[in-house]
Amino acid sequence: MSADDKIENKGQELKGKAKEALGDATDNKEWKAEGKKDKAAGNLKNAGEKIKDAFK
């Protein structure tokens, strides 16, 4: 996994956590859902990169 990909994926995951927390704090269901989606996408991308690395 390249360092750039890892940083980008972690950034997306952290952005998702922040959106979800903000959605919780403001009772905004849309932000909370977007946050969960961003976190999941970041996690899936990291998993994909780890699988690619395993086959190198």
PDB file of N, CA and C in Angstrom:
ATOM      1  N   MET A   1       0.857  -1.170   0.000  1.00  0.00           N
ATOM      2  CA  MET A   1       0.000   0.000   0.000  1.00  0.00           C
ATOM      3  C   MET A   1       0.894   1.221   0.000  1.00  0.00           C
ATOM      4  N   SER A   2       0.646   2.110  -0.918  1.00  0.00           N
ATOM      5  CA  SER A   2       1.476   3.306  -0.950  1.00  0.00           C
ATOM      6  C   SER A   2       1.080   4.239   0.200  1.00  0.00           C
ATOM      7  N   ALA A   3       2.021   5.016   0.626  1.00  0.00           N
ATOM      8  CA  ALA A   3       1.771   5.923   1.744  1.00  0.00           C
ATOM      9  C   ALA A   3       0.689   6.939   1.396  1.00  0.00           C
ATOM     10  N   ASP A   4       0.676   7.388   0.151  1.00  0.00           N
ATOM     11  CA  ASP A   4      -0.336   8.371  -0.266  1.00  0.00           C
ATOM     12  C   ASP A   4      -1.743   7.791  -0.163  1.00  0.00           C
ATOM     13  N   ASP A   5      -1.906   6.546  -0.617  1.00  0.00           N
ATOM     14  CA  ASP A   5      -3.222   5.904  -0.539  1.00  0.00           C
ATOM     15  C   ASP A   5      -3.647   5.718   0.914  1.00  0.00           C
ATOM     16  N   LYS A   6      -2.708   5.300   1.734  1.00  0.00           N
ATOM     17  CA  LYS A   6      -3.002   5.070   3.149  1.00  0.00           C
ATOM     18  C   LYS A   6      -3.438   6.373   3.828  1.00  0.00           C
ATOM     19  N   ILE A   7      -2.754   7.448   3.540  1.00  0.00           N
ATOM     20  CA  ILE A   7      -3.092   8.755   4.126  1.00  0.00           C
ATOM     21  C   ILE A   7      -4.457   9.222   3.630  1.00  0.00           C
ATOM     22  N   GLU A   8      -4.706   9.063   2.341  1.00  0.00           N
ATOM     23  CA  GLU A   8      -5.987   9.486   1.770  1.00  0.00           C
ATOM     24  C   GLU A   8      -7.147   8.685   2.373  1.00  0.00           C
ATOM     25  N   ASN A   9      -6.971   7.380   2.505  1.00  0.00           N
ATOM     26  CA  ASN A   9      -8.023   6.537   3.069  1.00  0.00           C
ATOM     27  C   ASN A   9      -8.271   6.862   4.538  1.00  0.00           C
ATOM     28  N   LYS A  10      -7.207   7.091   5.279  1.00  0.00           N
ATOM     29  CA  LYS A  10      -7.347   7.441   6.693  1.00  0.00           C
ATOM     30  C   LYS A  10      -8.025   8.801   6.828  1.00  0.00           C
ATOM     31  N   GLY A  11      -7.699   9.724   5.932  1.00  0.00           N
ATOM     32  CA  GLY A  11      -8.338  11.042   5.944  1.00  0.00           C
ATOM     33  C   GLY A  11      -9.834  10.929   5.709  1.00  0.00           C
ATOM     34  N   GLN A  12     -10.215  10.062   4.778  1.00  0.00           N
ATOM     35  CA  GLN A  12     -11.643   9.872   4.510  1.00  0.00           C
ATOM     36  C   GLN A  12     -12.332   9.262   5.727  1.00  0.00           C
ATOM     37  N   GLU A  13     -11.663   8.326   6.375  1.00  0.00           N
ATOM     38  CA  GLU A  13     -12.226   7.699   7.576  1.00  0.00           C
ATOM     39  C   GLU A  13     -12.401   8.725   8.699  1.00  0.00           C
ATOM     40  N   LEU A  14     -11.393   9.562   8.894  1.00  0.00           N
ATOM     41  CA  LEU A  14     -11.472  10.586   9.946  1.00  0.00           C
ATOM     42  C   LEU A  14     -12.531  11.639   9.628  1.00  0.00           C
ATOM     43  N   LYS A  15     -12.638  11.994   8.350  1.00  0.00           N
ATOM     44  CA  LYS A  15     -13.677  12.939   7.939  1.00  0.00           C
ATOM     45  C   LYS A  15     -15.053  12.356   8.245  1.00  0.00           C
ATOM     46  N   GLY A  16     -15.207  11.078   8.007  1.00  0.00           N
ATOM     47  CA  GLY A  16     -16.465  10.411   8.302  1.00  0.00           C
ATOM     48  C   GLY A  16     -16.779  10.414   9.785  1.00  0.00           C
ATOM     49  N   LYS A  17     -15.763  10.169  10.604  1.00  0.00           N
ATOM     50  CA  LYS A  17     -15.961  10.201  12.060  1.00  0.00           C
ATOM     51  C   LYS A  17     -16.397  11.589  12.512  1.00  0.00           C
ATOM     52  N   ALA A  18     -15.776  12.613  11.938  1.00  0.00           N
ATOM     53  CA  ALA A  18     -16.113  13.983  12.309  1.00  0.00           C
ATOM     54  C   ALA A  18     -17.544  14.323  11.894  1.00  0.00           C
ATOM     55  N   LYS A  19     -17.922  13.939  10.679  1.00  0.00           N
ATOM     56  CA  LYS A  19     -19.289  14.199  10.216  1.00  0.00           C
ATOM     57  C   LYS A  19     -20.303  13.480  11.088  1.00  0.00           C
ATOM     58  N   GLU A  20     -19.995  12.240  11.431  1.00  0.00           N
ATOM     59  CA  GLU A  20     -20.916  11.472  12.260  1.00  0.00           C
ATOM     60  C   GLU A  20     -21.067  12.106  13.642  1.00  0.00           C
ATOM     61  N   ALA A  21     -19.959  12.548  14.226  1.00  0.00           N
ATOM     62  CA  ALA A  21     -20.012  13.199  15.535  1.00  0.00           C
ATOM     63  C   ALA A  21     -20.789  14.506  15.464  1.00  0.00           C
ATOM     64  N   LEU A  22     -20.582  15.262  14.401  1.00  0.00           N
ATOM     65  CA  LEU A  22     -21.309  16.515  14.230  1.00  0.00           C
ATOM     66  C   LEU A  22     -22.800  16.245  14.046  1.00  0.00           C
ATOM     67  N   GLY A  23     -23.117  15.200  13.306  1.00  0.00           N
ATOM     68  CA  GLY A  23     -24.518  14.818  13.133  1.00  0.00           C
ATOM     69  C   GLY A  23     -25.166  14.423  14.442  1.00  0.00           C
ATOM     70  N   ASP A  24     -24.408  13.706  15.287  1.00  0.00           N
ATOM     71  CA  ASP A  24     -24.919  13.347  16.611  1.00  0.00           C
ATOM     72  C   ASP A  24     -25.149  14.593  17.465  1.00  0.00           C
ATOM     73  N   ALA A  25     -24.181  15.491  17.432  1.00  0.00           N
ATOM     74  CA  ALA A  25     -24.255  16.687  18.280  1.00  0.00           C
ATOM     75  C   ALA A  25     -25.398  17.615  17.873  1.00  0.00           C
ATOM     76  N   THR A  26     -25.675  17.679  16.581  1.00  0.00           N
ATOM     77  CA  THR A  26     -26.705  18.599  16.089  1.00  0.00           C
ATOM     78  C   THR A  26     -28.013  17.891  15.747  1.00  0.00           C
ATOM     79  N   ASP A  27     -28.052  16.591  15.994  1.00  0.00           N
ATOM     80  CA  ASP A  27     -29.223  15.770  15.687  1.00  0.00           C
ATOM     81  C   ASP A  27     -29.569  15.841  14.193  1.00  0.00           C
ATOM     82  N   ASN A  28     -28.527  15.887  13.358  1.00  0.00           N
ATOM     83  CA  ASN A  28     -28.695  15.949  11.907  1.00  0.00           C
ATOM     84  C   ASN A  28     -28.465  14.551  11.339  1.00  0.00           C
ATOM     85  N   LYS A  29     -29.543  13.888  10.955  1.00  0.00           N
ATOM     86  CA  LYS A  29     -29.461  12.510  10.481  1.00  0.00           C
ATOM     87  C   LYS A  29     -28.710  12.397   9.161  1.00  0.00           C
ATOM     88  N   GLU A  30     -28.810  13.420   8.319  1.00  0.00           N
ATOM     89  CA  GLU A  30     -28.117  13.394   7.026  1.00  0.00           C
ATOM     90  C   GLU A  30     -26.608  13.378   7.222  1.00  0.00           C
ATOM     91  N   TRP A  31     -26.095  14.251   8.089  1.00  0.00           N
ATOM     92  CA  TRP A  31     -24.648  14.300   8.346  1.00  0.00           C
ATOM     93  C   TRP A  31     -24.178  12.995   8.990  1.00  0.00           C
ATOM     94  N   LYS A  32     -24.985  12.469   9.896  1.00  0.00           N
ATOM     95  CA  LYS A  32     -24.619  11.225  10.559  1.00  0.00           C
ATOM     96  C   LYS A  32     -24.518  10.088   9.529  1.00  0.00           C
ATOM     97  N   ALA A  33     -25.475  10.013   8.617  1.00  0.00           N
ATOM     98  CA  ALA A  33     -25.451   8.979   7.582  1.00  0.00           C
ATOM     99  C   ALA A  33     -24.267   9.167   6.640  1.00  0.00           C
ATOM    100  N   GLU A  34     -23.985  10.404   6.251  1.00  0.00           N
ATOM    101  CA  GLU A  34     -22.832  10.677   5.388  1.00  0.00           C
ATOM    102  C   GLU A  34     -21.538  10.278   6.084  1.00  0.00           C
ATOM    103  N   GLY A  35     -21.465  10.556   7.372  1.00  0.00           N
ATOM    104  CA  GLY A  35     -20.272  10.198   8.139  1.00  0.00           C
ATOM    105  C   GLY A  35     -20.052   8.699   8.169  1.00  0.00           C
ATOM    106  N   LYS A  36     -21.117   7.959   8.387  1.00  0.00           N
ATOM    107  CA  LYS A  36     -21.003   6.501   8.393  1.00  0.00           C
ATOM    108  C   LYS A  36     -20.573   5.988   7.026  1.00  0.00           C
ATOM    109  N   LYS A  37     -21.115   6.593   5.969  1.00  0.00           N
ATOM    110  CA  LYS A  37     -20.758   6.188   4.607  1.00  0.00           C
ATOM    111  C   LYS A  37     -19.277   6.465   4.334  1.00  0.00           C
ATOM    112  N   ASP A  38     -18.791   7.633   4.731  1.00  0.00           N
ATOM    113  CA  ASP A  38     -17.388   7.987   4.512  1.00  0.00           C
ATOM    114  C   ASP A  38     -16.455   7.060   5.289  1.00  0.00           C
ATOM    115  N   LYS A  39     -16.826   6.753   6.540  1.00  0.00           N
ATOM    116  CA  LYS A  39     -16.005   5.843   7.340  1.00  0.00           C
ATOM    117  C   LYS A  39     -15.928   4.474   6.685  1.00  0.00           C
ATOM    118  N   ALA A  40     -17.062   3.976   6.247  1.00  0.00           N
ATOM    119  CA  ALA A  40     -17.097   2.657   5.619  1.00  0.00           C
ATOM    120  C   ALA A  40     -16.274   2.635   4.337  1.00  0.00           C
ATOM    121  N   ALA A  41     -16.372   3.686   3.541  1.00  0.00           N
ATOM    122  CA  ALA A  41     -15.615   3.751   2.291  1.00  0.00           C
ATOM    123  C   ALA A  41     -14.111   3.751   2.568  1.00  0.00           C
ATOM    124  N   GLY A  42     -13.682   4.515   3.555  1.00  0.00           N
ATOM    125  CA  GLY A  42     -12.262   4.548   3.913  1.00  0.00           C
ATOM    126  C   GLY A  42     -11.772   3.187   4.381  1.00  0.00           C
ATOM    127  N   ASN A  43     -12.584   2.521   5.192  1.00  0.00           N
ATOM    128  CA  ASN A  43     -12.210   1.191   5.679  1.00  0.00           C
ATOM    129  C   ASN A  43     -12.129   0.178   4.540  1.00  0.00           C
ATOM    130  N   LEU A  44     -13.082   0.225   3.621  1.00  0.00           N
ATOM    131  CA  LEU A  44     -13.072  -0.705   2.492  1.00  0.00           C
ATOM    132  C   LEU A  44     -11.870  -0.482   1.586  1.00  0.00           C
ATOM    133  N   LYS A  45     -11.528   0.772   1.368  1.00  0.00           N
ATOM    134  CA  LYS A  45     -10.363   1.069   0.525  1.00  0.00           C
ATOM    135  C   LYS A  45      -9.088   0.538   1.177  1.00  0.00           C
ATOM    136  N   ASN A  46      -8.971   0.710   2.495  1.00  0.00           N
ATOM    137  CA  ASN A  46      -7.804   0.184   3.199  1.00  0.00           C
ATOM    138  C   ASN A  46      -7.746  -1.333   3.100  1.00  0.00           C
ATOM    139  N   ALA A  47      -8.882  -1.989   3.232  1.00  0.00           N
ATOM    140  CA  ALA A  47      -8.918  -3.448   3.121  1.00  0.00           C
ATOM    141  C   ALA A  47      -8.493  -3.891   1.726  1.00  0.00           C
ATOM    142  N   GLY A  48      -8.961  -3.187   0.710  1.00  0.00           N
ATOM    143  CA  GLY A  48      -8.569  -3.511  -0.663  1.00  0.00           C
ATOM    144  C   GLY A  48      -7.076  -3.354  -0.889  1.00  0.00           C
ATOM    145  N   GLU A  49      -6.516  -2.310  -0.336  1.00  0.00           N
ATOM    146  CA  GLU A  49      -5.079  -2.081  -0.474  1.00  0.00           C
ATOM    147  C   GLU A  49      -4.289  -3.176   0.236  1.00  0.00           C
ATOM    148  N   LYS A  50      -4.752  -3.621   1.380  1.00  0.00           N
ATOM    149  CA  LYS A  50      -4.060  -4.684   2.115  1.00  0.00           C
ATOM    150  C   LYS A  50      -4.101  -5.986   1.331  1.00  0.00           C
ATOM    151  N   ILE A  51      -5.216  -6.260   0.674  1.00  0.00           N
ATOM    152  CA  ILE A  51      -5.323  -7.471  -0.145  1.00  0.00           C
ATOM    153  C   ILE A  51      -4.355  -7.387  -1.322  1.00  0.00           C
ATOM    154  N   LYS A  52      -4.299  -6.225  -1.967  1.00  0.00           N
ATOM    155  CA  LYS A  52      -3.363  -6.063  -3.086  1.00  0.00           C
ATOM    156  C   LYS A  52      -1.933  -6.270  -2.621  1.00  0.00           C
ATOM    157  N   ASP A  53      -1.599  -5.737  -1.445  1.00  0.00           N
ATOM    158  CA  ASP A  53      -0.243  -5.896  -0.914  1.00  0.00           C
ATOM    159  C   ASP A  53       0.079  -7.357  -0.613  1.00  0.00           C
ATOM    160  N   ALA A  54      -0.910  -8.107  -0.184  1.00  0.00           N
ATOM    161  CA  ALA A  54      -0.681  -9.510   0.153  1.00  0.00           C
ATOM    162  C   ALA A  54      -0.284 -10.332  -1.072  1.00  0.00           C
ATOM    163  N   PHE A  55      -0.738  -9.905  -2.249  1.00  0.00           N
ATOM    164  CA  PHE A  55      -0.447 -10.664  -3.464  1.00  0.00           C
ATOM    165  C   PHE A  55       0.758 -10.138  -4.221  1.00  0.00           C
ATOM    166  N   LYS A  56       1.470  -9.178  -3.677  1.00  0.00           N
ATOM    167  CA  LYS A  56       2.670  -8.655  -4.344  1.00  0.00           C
ATOM    168  C   LYS A  56       3.844  -9.543  -4.094  1.00  0.00           C
TER     169      LYS A  56
END
